[in-house]
Amino acid sequence: MKDGTGILRVQVSTALGAYPVEGAVVTVSTTAADPNGPTLLYTEVTDKGGMTPPMELEAPPRSESLTPGAVQPYALYTVEVVHPNFVPQAALNVAAFSGVSAVLPVQLTPLPENETVAPPQLNVTVDPQVLSEE
């Protein structure tokens, strides 16, 4: 992995992680706070193990994170997961660090029996990480 990129994989499951969800559509985009607005970067489908292929994401170079108070040493992304039999999920402010491979676990809730329309999307907002010397 080259400096200035991180790797993200998404693990989609249900029943508190007991069952992987195959065929979920996972999208990764820049956040709404991006100066150019959100930009779709990846659309992937989970395999039989509920995992996406690795997705390479831009992140500030590691060298920029060595000095306290320097630029934010990570980039933020939005991850959305959709499957026709489950309530959609979105994870906001997912951090990507240069040189780091990460797996984002996403738990989906099944739709009620005989229901074909998902209730409103559930969003999980992750506060940006606070990095300090303390």
C-alpha atoms as a PDB file:
ATOM      1  CA  MET A   1       0.000   0.000   0.000  1.00  0.00           C
ATOM      2  CA  LYS A   2       1.418   3.363  -0.959  1.00  0.00           C
ATOM      3  CA  ASP A   3       1.712   6.361   1.355  1.00  0.00           C
ATOM      4  CA  GLY A   4      -1.335   8.588   1.114  1.00  0.00           C
ATOM      5  CA  THR A   5      -3.826   5.717   0.895  1.00  0.00           C
ATOM      6  CA  GLY A   6      -5.691   3.469   3.281  1.00  0.00           C
ATOM      7  CA  ILE A   7      -7.637   0.280   2.609  1.00  0.00           C
ATOM      8  CA  LEU A   8     -11.268  -0.253   3.648  1.00  0.00           C
ATOM      9  CA  ARG A   9     -13.288  -3.454   3.533  1.00  0.00           C
ATOM     10  CA  VAL A  10     -16.874  -3.660   4.758  1.00  0.00           C
ATOM     11  CA  GLN A  11     -18.183  -6.773   6.577  1.00  0.00           C
ATOM     12  CA  VAL A  12     -21.992  -6.963   6.379  1.00  0.00           C
ATOM     13  CA  SER A  13     -23.892  -9.337   8.636  1.00  0.00           C
ATOM     14  CA  THR A  14     -27.117  -9.798  10.566  1.00  0.00           C
ATOM     15  CA  ALA A  15     -28.163 -11.515  13.810  1.00  0.00           C
ATOM     16  CA  LEU A  16     -25.462  -9.766  15.847  1.00  0.00           C
ATOM     17  CA  GLY A  17     -22.787 -10.808  13.373  1.00  0.00           C
ATOM     18  CA  ALA A  18     -23.783 -14.480  13.281  1.00  0.00           C
ATOM     19  CA  TYR A  19     -24.817 -14.530   9.607  1.00  0.00           C
ATOM     20  CA  PRO A  20     -23.004 -12.821   6.730  1.00  0.00           C
ATOM     21  CA  VAL A  21     -25.175 -10.976   4.214  1.00  0.00           C
ATOM     22  CA  GLU A  22     -24.335 -11.844   0.621  1.00  0.00           C
ATOM     23  CA  GLY A  23     -25.389  -9.482  -2.178  1.00  0.00           C
ATOM     24  CA  ALA A  24     -25.504  -6.263  -0.166  1.00  0.00           C
ATOM     25  CA  VAL A  25     -24.609  -3.188  -2.219  1.00  0.00           C
ATOM     26  CA  VAL A  26     -21.985  -1.063  -0.479  1.00  0.00           C
ATOM     27  CA  THR A  27     -21.208   2.452  -1.665  1.00  0.00           C
ATOM     28  CA  VAL A  28     -18.351   4.631  -0.455  1.00  0.00           C
ATOM     29  CA  SER A  29     -18.330   8.357  -1.115  1.00  0.00           C
ATOM     30  CA  THR A  30     -16.690  11.503   0.120  1.00  0.00           C
ATOM     31  CA  THR A  31     -18.632  13.249   2.870  1.00  0.00           C
ATOM     32  CA  ALA A  32     -21.174  16.015   2.357  1.00  0.00           C
ATOM     33  CA  ALA A  33     -18.653  18.347   4.024  1.00  0.00           C
ATOM     34  CA  ASP A  34     -16.255  17.883   1.086  1.00  0.00           C
ATOM     35  CA  PRO A  35     -15.792  21.263  -0.671  1.00  0.00           C
ATOM     36  CA  ASN A  36     -17.003  19.707  -3.950  1.00  0.00           C
ATOM     37  CA  GLY A  37     -19.895  17.888  -2.276  1.00  0.00           C
ATOM     38  CA  PRO A  38     -20.199  14.117  -1.988  1.00  0.00           C
ATOM     39  CA  THR A  39     -18.527  12.106  -4.758  1.00  0.00           C
ATOM     40  CA  LEU A  40     -19.233   8.416  -5.300  1.00  0.00           C
ATOM     41  CA  LEU A  41     -15.954   6.487  -5.178  1.00  0.00           C
ATOM     42  CA  TYR A  42     -16.942   2.813  -5.024  1.00  0.00           C
ATOM     43  CA  THR A  43     -19.970   0.575  -5.497  1.00  0.00           C
ATOM     44  CA  GLU A  44     -19.244  -2.998  -4.445  1.00  0.00           C
ATOM     45  CA  VAL A  45     -21.335  -6.106  -3.704  1.00  0.00           C
ATOM     46  CA  THR A  46     -20.622  -8.356  -0.726  1.00  0.00           C
ATOM     47  CA  ASP A  47     -19.543 -11.956  -1.301  1.00  0.00           C
ATOM     48  CA  LYS A  48     -20.951 -15.075   0.414  1.00  0.00           C
ATOM     49  CA  GLY A  49     -18.932 -14.164   3.512  1.00  0.00           C
ATOM     50  CA  GLY A  50     -20.558 -10.714   3.610  1.00  0.00           C
ATOM     51  CA  MET A  51     -17.264  -8.976   2.732  1.00  0.00           C
ATOM     52  CA  THR A  52     -16.477  -6.391   0.075  1.00  0.00           C
ATOM     53  CA  PRO A  53     -13.248  -6.418  -1.895  1.00  0.00           C
ATOM     54  CA  PRO A  54     -10.581  -4.018  -0.586  1.00  0.00           C
ATOM     55  CA  MET A  55     -11.214  -0.385  -1.518  1.00  0.00           C
ATOM     56  CA  GLU A  56      -8.269   2.005  -1.695  1.00  0.00           C
ATOM     57  CA  LEU A  57      -9.066   5.427  -0.214  1.00  0.00           C
ATOM     58  CA  GLU A  58      -7.026   8.609  -0.269  1.00  0.00           C
ATOM     59  CA  ALA A  59      -5.713   9.806   3.094  1.00  0.00           C
ATOM     60  CA  PRO A  60      -3.171  12.449   4.119  1.00  0.00           C
ATOM     61  CA  PRO A  61       0.419  11.129   4.074  1.00  0.00           C
ATOM     62  CA  ARG A  62       1.690   9.664   7.356  1.00  0.00           C
ATOM     63  CA  SER A  63       4.397  12.312   7.554  1.00  0.00           C
ATOM     64  CA  GLU A  64       1.696  14.938   8.115  1.00  0.00           C
ATOM     65  CA  SER A  65       0.538  13.175  11.285  1.00  0.00           C
ATOM     66  CA  LEU A  66       3.871  13.237  13.104  1.00  0.00           C
ATOM     67  CA  THR A  67       3.538  16.772  14.450  1.00  0.00           C
ATOM     68  CA  PRO A  68       0.775  17.647  16.947  1.00  0.00           C
ATOM     69  CA  GLY A  69      -1.547  20.313  15.665  1.00  0.00           C
ATOM     70  CA  ALA A  70      -0.661  19.626  12.034  1.00  0.00           C
ATOM     71  CA  VAL A  71      -3.333  18.878   9.457  1.00  0.00           C
ATOM     72  CA  GLN A  72      -6.014  16.302  10.196  1.00  0.00           C
ATOM     73  CA  PRO A  73      -4.119  12.993   9.669  1.00  0.00           C
ATOM     74  CA  TYR A  74      -7.087  11.107   8.238  1.00  0.00           C
ATOM     75  CA  ALA A  75      -9.763  11.490   5.562  1.00  0.00           C
ATOM     76  CA  LEU A  76     -13.491  11.043   6.174  1.00  0.00           C
ATOM     77  CA  TYR A  77     -15.891   9.010   4.051  1.00  0.00           C
ATOM     78  CA  THR A  78     -19.539   7.929   4.008  1.00  0.00           C
ATOM     79  CA  VAL A  79     -20.387   4.223   3.664  1.00  0.00           C
ATOM     80  CA  GLU A  80     -23.914   3.129   2.726  1.00  0.00           C
ATOM     81  CA  VAL A  81     -25.192  -0.464   2.704  1.00  0.00           C
ATOM     82  CA  VAL A  82     -28.392  -1.579   0.967  1.00  0.00           C
ATOM     83  CA  HIS A  83     -29.997  -5.009   0.540  1.00  0.00           C
ATOM     84  CA  PRO A  84     -33.618  -5.614  -0.536  1.00  0.00           C
ATOM     85  CA  ASN A  85     -34.401  -7.772   2.528  1.00  0.00           C
ATOM     86  CA  PHE A  86     -32.895  -5.447   5.147  1.00  0.00           C
ATOM     87  CA  VAL A  87     -33.181  -1.923   6.513  1.00  0.00           C
ATOM     88  CA  PRO A  88     -30.519   0.238   4.812  1.00  0.00           C
ATOM     89  CA  GLN A  89     -27.620   1.551   6.910  1.00  0.00           C
ATOM     90  CA  ALA A  90     -25.201   4.431   6.532  1.00  0.00           C
ATOM     91  CA  ALA A  91     -21.996   5.092   8.443  1.00  0.00           C
ATOM     92  CA  LEU A  92     -20.955   8.746   8.373  1.00  0.00           C
ATOM     93  CA  ASN A  93     -17.459  10.113   9.030  1.00  0.00           C
ATOM     94  CA  VAL A  94     -15.608   6.827   8.563  1.00  0.00           C
ATOM     95  CA  ALA A  95     -11.900   7.629   8.976  1.00  0.00           C
ATOM     96  CA  ALA A  96      -9.200   6.390   6.599  1.00  0.00           C
ATOM     97  CA  PHE A  97      -5.556   6.634   7.695  1.00  0.00           C
ATOM     98  CA  SER A  98      -2.575   6.360   5.381  1.00  0.00           C
ATOM     99  CA  GLY A  99      -0.997   2.906   5.497  1.00  0.00           C
ATOM    100  CA  VAL A 100      -3.836   1.367   7.516  1.00  0.00           C
ATOM    101  CA  SER A 101      -6.137  -1.479   6.427  1.00  0.00           C
ATOM    102  CA  ALA A 102      -9.491  -1.448   8.201  1.00  0.00           C
ATOM    103  CA  VAL A 103     -12.665  -3.525   8.276  1.00  0.00           C
ATOM    104  CA  LEU A 104     -15.933  -1.705   8.975  1.00  0.00           C
ATOM    105  CA  PRO A 105     -18.525  -4.065  10.490  1.00  0.00           C
ATOM    106  CA  VAL A 106     -22.115  -3.227   9.493  1.00  0.00           C
ATOM    107  CA  GLN A 107     -25.082  -4.978  11.104  1.00  0.00           C
ATOM    108  CA  LEU A 108     -28.298  -5.067   9.068  1.00  0.00           C
ATOM    109  CA  THR A 109     -31.786  -5.548  10.518  1.00  0.00           C
ATOM    110  CA  PRO A 110     -34.175  -7.745   8.500  1.00  0.00           C
ATOM    111  CA  LEU A 111     -37.357  -6.163   7.198  1.00  0.00           C
ATOM    112  CA  PRO A 112     -40.536  -7.372   8.916  1.00  0.00           C
ATOM    113  CA  GLU A 113     -42.168 -10.392   7.288  1.00  0.00           C
ATOM    114  CA  ASN A 114     -44.145  -9.573   4.120  1.00  0.00           C
ATOM    115  CA  GLU A 115     -42.797  -6.007   4.047  1.00  0.00           C
ATOM    116  CA  THR A 116     -41.151  -4.866   0.862  1.00  0.00           C
ATOM    117  CA  VAL A 117     -40.502  -1.210   1.624  1.00  0.00           C
ATOM    118  CA  ALA A 118     -37.746  -0.394   4.049  1.00  0.00           C
ATOM    119  CA  PRO A 119     -38.434   2.055   6.859  1.00  0.00           C
ATOM    120  CA  PRO A 120     -36.391   5.267   6.802  1.00  0.00           C
ATOM    121  CA  GLN A 121     -32.655   4.718   6.590  1.00  0.00           C
ATOM    122  CA  LEU A 122     -30.754   4.429   9.844  1.00  0.00           C
ATOM    123  CA  ASN A 123     -27.647   6.573  10.033  1.00  0.00           C
ATOM    124  CA  VAL A 124     -24.729   6.023  12.329  1.00  0.00           C
ATOM    125  CA  THR A 125     -22.709   9.174  12.791  1.00  0.00           C
ATOM    126  CA  VAL A 126     -19.186   8.741  14.010  1.00  0.00           C
ATOM    127  CA  ASP A 127     -17.703  11.888  15.502  1.00  0.00           C
ATOM    128  CA  PRO A 128     -14.392  12.841  13.917  1.00  0.00           C
ATOM    129  CA  GLN A 129     -11.518  11.454  15.917  1.00  0.00           C
ATOM    130  CA  VAL A 130      -9.856  13.686  18.460  1.00  0.00           C
ATOM    131  CA  LEU A 131      -6.118  13.310  18.372  1.00  0.00           C
ATOM    132  CA  SER A 132      -4.253  15.078  21.135  1.00  0.00           C
ATOM    133  CA  GLU A 133      -1.090  14.815  23.176  1.00  0.00           C
ATOM    134  CA  GLU A 134      -3.033  14.258  26.404  1.00  0.00           C
END
